[in-house]
Amino acid sequence: MSEHEAYVIKFSLYAAIDGGLDGLARAIHVVRKAPIRFHDMAVVDVGKTKEVSLRVSGKKKDIEWLAKKLEKVVEVLEVNVQPLPTEMVELIAHKERIRG
């Protein structure tokens, strides 16, 4: 197994005040500072919260560091980290090879 593994980090942001844009910007700033590789992000508006899903890869300790930093962002309500299943990692790698 490689030293760098793929993960999905999901977190909820309180978004009732400004639509959640300030909190989302703060969370993205934290992600930018992390020593990980960012792949993609999805944000879904769910009333007073925004559900954010990040696909990232890196060393487990760096992913854990990122999760702890995200938990400190005022608007972040909860953070959940899950390793990507091997089948998904292989499918994504195959698609990236096809794209060139």
Protein backbone atom coordinates (compact mmCIF):
# COMPACT_ATOMS: atom_id res chain seq x y z
CA MET A 1 0.00 0.00 0.00
CA SER A 2 1.31 3.44 -0.86
CA GLU A 3 2.19 6.03 1.76
CA HIS A 4 -0.40 8.38 0.23
CA GLU A 5 -3.98 7.24 0.47
CA ALA A 6 -7.23 8.68 -0.90
CA TYR A 7 -9.90 10.01 1.46
CA VAL A 8 -13.24 11.74 1.46
CA ILE A 9 -13.60 14.47 4.06
CA LYS A 10 -17.19 15.54 4.68
CA PHE A 11 -18.15 18.47 6.85
CA SER A 12 -21.18 20.61 7.60
CA LEU A 13 -21.05 24.41 7.73
CA TYR A 14 -23.52 26.69 9.50
CA ALA A 15 -24.81 28.85 6.65
CA ALA A 16 -27.77 30.84 8.02
CA ILE A 17 -26.00 34.21 8.29
CA ASP A 18 -24.35 34.92 4.93
CA GLY A 19 -25.26 31.82 2.99
CA GLY A 20 -22.16 30.14 4.39
CA LEU A 21 -19.72 31.80 2.00
CA ASP A 22 -17.44 33.23 4.71
CA GLY A 23 -17.23 29.89 6.50
CA LEU A 24 -16.65 28.07 3.22
CA ALA A 25 -13.85 30.50 2.37
CA ARG A 26 -12.24 29.91 5.78
CA ALA A 27 -12.48 26.14 5.34
CA ILE A 28 -10.98 26.32 1.83
CA HIS A 29 -8.12 28.40 3.21
CA VAL A 30 -7.39 25.63 5.74
CA VAL A 31 -7.44 23.02 2.94
CA ARG A 32 -5.01 25.13 0.88
CA LYS A 33 -2.52 25.15 3.78
CA ALA A 34 -2.64 21.38 4.32
CA PRO A 35 0.21 19.23 2.97
CA ILE A 36 -2.21 17.07 0.96
CA ARG A 37 -3.29 16.73 -2.66
CA PHE A 38 -6.73 18.20 -3.38
CA HIS A 39 -8.75 16.45 -6.11
CA ASP A 40 -12.27 17.86 -6.07
CA MET A 41 -15.05 19.32 -3.96
CA ALA A 42 -18.85 19.30 -3.90
CA VAL A 43 -21.04 21.66 -1.88
CA VAL A 44 -24.76 21.06 -1.32
CA ASP A 45 -27.05 23.68 0.23
CA VAL A 46 -29.31 22.13 2.87
CA GLY A 47 -31.25 25.03 4.35
CA LYS A 48 -29.23 26.53 7.20
CA THR A 49 -26.21 24.33 6.49
CA LYS A 50 -23.93 23.52 3.61
CA GLU A 51 -22.70 19.93 3.25
CA VAL A 52 -19.17 19.89 1.84
CA SER A 53 -17.41 16.84 0.45
CA LEU A 54 -13.69 16.91 -0.44
CA ARG A 55 -11.73 14.21 -2.24
CA VAL A 56 -8.11 14.41 -1.14
CA SER A 57 -5.05 12.20 -0.88
CA GLY A 58 -2.03 12.26 1.37
CA LYS A 59 -0.41 10.75 4.40
CA LYS A 60 -2.85 9.66 7.08
CA LYS A 61 -1.28 12.03 9.64
CA ASP A 62 -1.71 14.98 7.25
CA ILE A 63 -5.36 14.08 6.61
CA GLU A 64 -5.94 13.88 10.38
CA TRP A 65 -4.21 17.28 10.79
CA LEU A 66 -6.56 18.76 8.18
CA ALA A 67 -9.64 17.31 9.89
CA LYS A 68 -8.58 18.80 13.24
CA LYS A 69 -7.98 22.21 11.66
CA LEU A 70 -11.37 22.12 9.92
CA GLU A 71 -13.04 21.37 13.27
CA LYS A 72 -11.61 24.67 14.57
CA VAL A 73 -13.30 26.77 11.86
CA VAL A 74 -16.13 28.53 13.72
CA GLU A 75 -18.87 27.68 11.20
CA VAL A 76 -17.93 23.99 10.87
CA LEU A 77 -20.41 21.83 12.76
CA GLU A 78 -18.90 18.37 12.25
CA VAL A 79 -16.12 16.66 10.27
CA ASN A 80 -16.10 13.06 9.01
CA VAL A 81 -13.07 11.41 7.35
CA GLN A 82 -13.42 8.18 5.37
CA PRO A 83 -10.86 6.34 3.26
CA LEU A 84 -11.94 5.95 -0.35
CA PRO A 85 -12.62 2.29 -1.23
CA THR A 86 -9.87 0.74 -3.37
CA GLU A 87 -12.30 0.20 -6.27
CA MET A 88 -13.08 3.93 -6.37
CA VAL A 89 -9.39 4.85 -6.27
CA GLU A 90 -8.71 2.52 -9.21
CA LEU A 91 -11.69 3.87 -11.19
CA ILE A 92 -10.60 7.48 -10.64
CA ALA A 93 -7.00 6.67 -11.62
CA HIS A 94 -8.27 4.98 -14.80
CA LYS A 95 -10.39 8.03 -15.72
CA GLU A 96 -7.44 10.36 -15.11
CA ARG A 97 -5.22 8.22 -17.38
CA ILE A 98 -7.85 8.37 -20.14
CA ARG A 99 -8.09 12.17 -19.89
CA GLY A 100 -4.32 12.35 -20.30
